[in-house]
Amino acid sequence: MIKWTTSAERDIVKVYDFLARSNPKVAVITIKLMIEGIEKIDAFPQLGIKLDDFKPREVRRIIIGDYEIRYELTKNTIFVLRLWHSREDR
């Protein structure tokens, strides 16, 4: 099961709003691709690279297009934590 944190929900709205200002069609396509990529995590939870900085939590990251997505694996749930453009300084 995938659950989005409030921060991740805000992040995806921020990405959409930013892209939609210049090209609404690209914004829709980008968000759709990110969501499809995140849905793949449900079938392949180990897909992302494990981030040791978060131990003992199992936090991983994947890159979808130009976006980094961080998620946490727990026993029964995958939490989408944050997402942002890879050029952002984070």
C-alpha atoms as a PDB file:
ATOM      1  CA  MET A   1       0.000   0.000   0.000  1.00  0.00           C
ATOM      2  CA  ILE A   2       1.293   3.453  -0.911  1.00  0.00           C
ATOM      3  CA  LYS A   3       0.512   6.486   1.208  1.00  0.00           C
ATOM      4  CA  TRP A   4       1.546  10.042   0.488  1.00  0.00           C
ATOM      5  CA  THR A   5       2.750  12.292   3.278  1.00  0.00           C
ATOM      6  CA  THR A   6       1.394  15.818   3.432  1.00  0.00           C
ATOM      7  CA  SER A   7       4.824  17.096   2.403  1.00  0.00           C
ATOM      8  CA  ALA A   8       4.861  14.898  -0.707  1.00  0.00           C
ATOM      9  CA  GLU A   9       1.355  16.019  -1.638  1.00  0.00           C
ATOM     10  CA  ARG A  10       2.451  19.646  -1.347  1.00  0.00           C
ATOM     11  CA  ASP A  11       5.560  18.898  -3.398  1.00  0.00           C
ATOM     12  CA  ILE A  12       3.635  17.430  -6.321  1.00  0.00           C
ATOM     13  CA  VAL A  13       1.237  20.381  -6.348  1.00  0.00           C
ATOM     14  CA  LYS A  14       4.241  22.722  -6.341  1.00  0.00           C
ATOM     15  CA  VAL A  15       5.784  20.895  -9.324  1.00  0.00           C
ATOM     16  CA  TYR A  16       2.497  20.995 -11.224  1.00  0.00           C
ATOM     17  CA  ASP A  17       1.939  24.688 -10.517  1.00  0.00           C
ATOM     18  CA  PHE A  18       5.469  25.567 -11.600  1.00  0.00           C
ATOM     19  CA  LEU A  19       5.257  23.629 -14.876  1.00  0.00           C
ATOM     20  CA  ALA A  20       1.677  24.683 -15.669  1.00  0.00           C
ATOM     21  CA  ARG A  21       2.658  28.360 -15.730  1.00  0.00           C
ATOM     22  CA  SER A  22       4.619  27.801 -18.926  1.00  0.00           C
ATOM     23  CA  ASN A  23       3.041  24.638 -20.357  1.00  0.00           C
ATOM     24  CA  PRO A  24      -0.054  22.998 -18.829  1.00  0.00           C
ATOM     25  CA  LYS A  25       0.221  19.928 -21.084  1.00  0.00           C
ATOM     26  CA  VAL A  26       3.788  19.236 -19.966  1.00  0.00           C
ATOM     27  CA  ALA A  27       2.668  19.669 -16.356  1.00  0.00           C
ATOM     28  CA  VAL A  28      -0.018  16.998 -16.737  1.00  0.00           C
ATOM     29  CA  ILE A  29       2.330  14.588 -18.526  1.00  0.00           C
ATOM     30  CA  THR A  30       5.074  15.070 -15.935  1.00  0.00           C
ATOM     31  CA  ILE A  31       2.765  14.482 -12.981  1.00  0.00           C
ATOM     32  CA  LYS A  32       1.257  11.436 -14.670  1.00  0.00           C
ATOM     33  CA  LEU A  33       4.717   9.928 -15.273  1.00  0.00           C
ATOM     34  CA  MET A  34       5.734  10.548 -11.662  1.00  0.00           C
ATOM     35  CA  ILE A  35       2.583   8.932 -10.298  1.00  0.00           C
ATOM     36  CA  GLU A  36       2.986   5.923 -12.610  1.00  0.00           C
ATOM     37  CA  GLY A  37       6.598   5.556 -11.456  1.00  0.00           C
ATOM     38  CA  ILE A  38       5.594   5.768  -7.815  1.00  0.00           C
ATOM     39  CA  GLU A  39       2.909   3.127  -8.361  1.00  0.00           C
ATOM     40  CA  LYS A  40       5.636   0.742  -9.592  1.00  0.00           C
ATOM     41  CA  ILE A  41       7.214   0.928  -6.159  1.00  0.00           C
ATOM     42  CA  ASP A  42       4.240  -1.005  -4.793  1.00  0.00           C
ATOM     43  CA  ALA A  43       5.208  -4.005  -6.944  1.00  0.00           C
ATOM     44  CA  PHE A  44       8.969  -3.475  -6.577  1.00  0.00           C
ATOM     45  CA  PRO A  45       9.607  -1.812  -3.187  1.00  0.00           C
ATOM     46  CA  GLN A  46      13.382  -2.341  -3.385  1.00  0.00           C
ATOM     47  CA  LEU A  47      13.497  -0.425  -6.687  1.00  0.00           C
ATOM     48  CA  GLY A  48      15.084   2.691  -5.226  1.00  0.00           C
ATOM     49  CA  ILE A  49      18.562   3.222  -3.850  1.00  0.00           C
ATOM     50  CA  LYS A  50      18.725   2.797  -0.078  1.00  0.00           C
ATOM     51  CA  LEU A  51      19.810   5.945   1.789  1.00  0.00           C
ATOM     52  CA  ASP A  52      21.959   4.977   4.756  1.00  0.00           C
ATOM     53  CA  ASP A  53      21.690   8.462   6.304  1.00  0.00           C
ATOM     54  CA  PHE A  54      18.200   7.556   7.522  1.00  0.00           C
ATOM     55  CA  LYS A  55      19.034   4.307   9.368  1.00  0.00           C
ATOM     56  CA  PRO A  56      17.356   2.539  11.079  1.00  0.00           C
ATOM     57  CA  ARG A  57      14.485   3.665   8.827  1.00  0.00           C
ATOM     58  CA  GLU A  58      14.469   2.213   5.322  1.00  0.00           C
ATOM     59  CA  VAL A  59      14.362   5.316   3.169  1.00  0.00           C
ATOM     60  CA  ARG A  60      15.043   4.984  -0.544  1.00  0.00           C
ATOM     61  CA  ARG A  61      15.192   7.278  -3.547  1.00  0.00           C
ATOM     62  CA  ILE A  62      14.315   6.872  -7.176  1.00  0.00           C
ATOM     63  CA  ILE A  63      14.739   9.209 -10.100  1.00  0.00           C
ATOM     64  CA  ILE A  64      11.825   9.588 -12.479  1.00  0.00           C
ATOM     65  CA  GLY A  65      12.626  11.886 -15.362  1.00  0.00           C
ATOM     66  CA  ASP A  66      14.183  14.970 -13.781  1.00  0.00           C
ATOM     67  CA  TYR A  67      12.638  14.343 -10.368  1.00  0.00           C
ATOM     68  CA  GLU A  68      13.950  12.692  -7.238  1.00  0.00           C
ATOM     69  CA  ILE A  69      11.411  10.885  -5.109  1.00  0.00           C
ATOM     70  CA  ARG A  70      12.127   9.673  -1.591  1.00  0.00           C
ATOM     71  CA  TYR A  71      10.051   7.013   0.060  1.00  0.00           C
ATOM     72  CA  GLU A  72      10.109   4.924   3.212  1.00  0.00           C
ATOM     73  CA  LEU A  73       9.383   1.228   3.457  1.00  0.00           C
ATOM     74  CA  THR A  74       7.646  -0.069   6.546  1.00  0.00           C
ATOM     75  CA  LYS A  75       6.214  -3.506   7.211  1.00  0.00           C
ATOM     76  CA  ASN A  76       2.882  -2.863   5.468  1.00  0.00           C
ATOM     77  CA  THR A  77       3.130   0.569   3.873  1.00  0.00           C
ATOM     78  CA  ILE A  78       5.241   2.569   1.462  1.00  0.00           C
ATOM     79  CA  PHE A  79       5.273   6.253   2.399  1.00  0.00           C
ATOM     80  CA  VAL A  80       6.083   8.780  -0.319  1.00  0.00           C
ATOM     81  CA  LEU A  81       8.044  11.322   1.696  1.00  0.00           C
ATOM     82  CA  ARG A  82       9.169  14.068  -0.674  1.00  0.00           C
ATOM     83  CA  LEU A  83       9.782  14.820  -4.335  1.00  0.00           C
ATOM     84  CA  TRP A  84      11.569  17.605  -6.156  1.00  0.00           C
ATOM     85  CA  HIS A  85      13.373  18.541  -9.347  1.00  0.00           C
ATOM     86  CA  SER A  86      16.886  17.141  -9.353  1.00  0.00           C
ATOM     87  CA  ARG A  87      18.349  20.606 -10.001  1.00  0.00           C
ATOM     88  CA  GLU A  88      16.957  21.917  -6.722  1.00  0.00           C
ATOM     89  CA  ASP A  89      19.538  22.318  -4.006  1.00  0.00           C
ATOM     90  CA  ARG A  90      18.404  19.896  -1.296  1.00  0.00           C
END
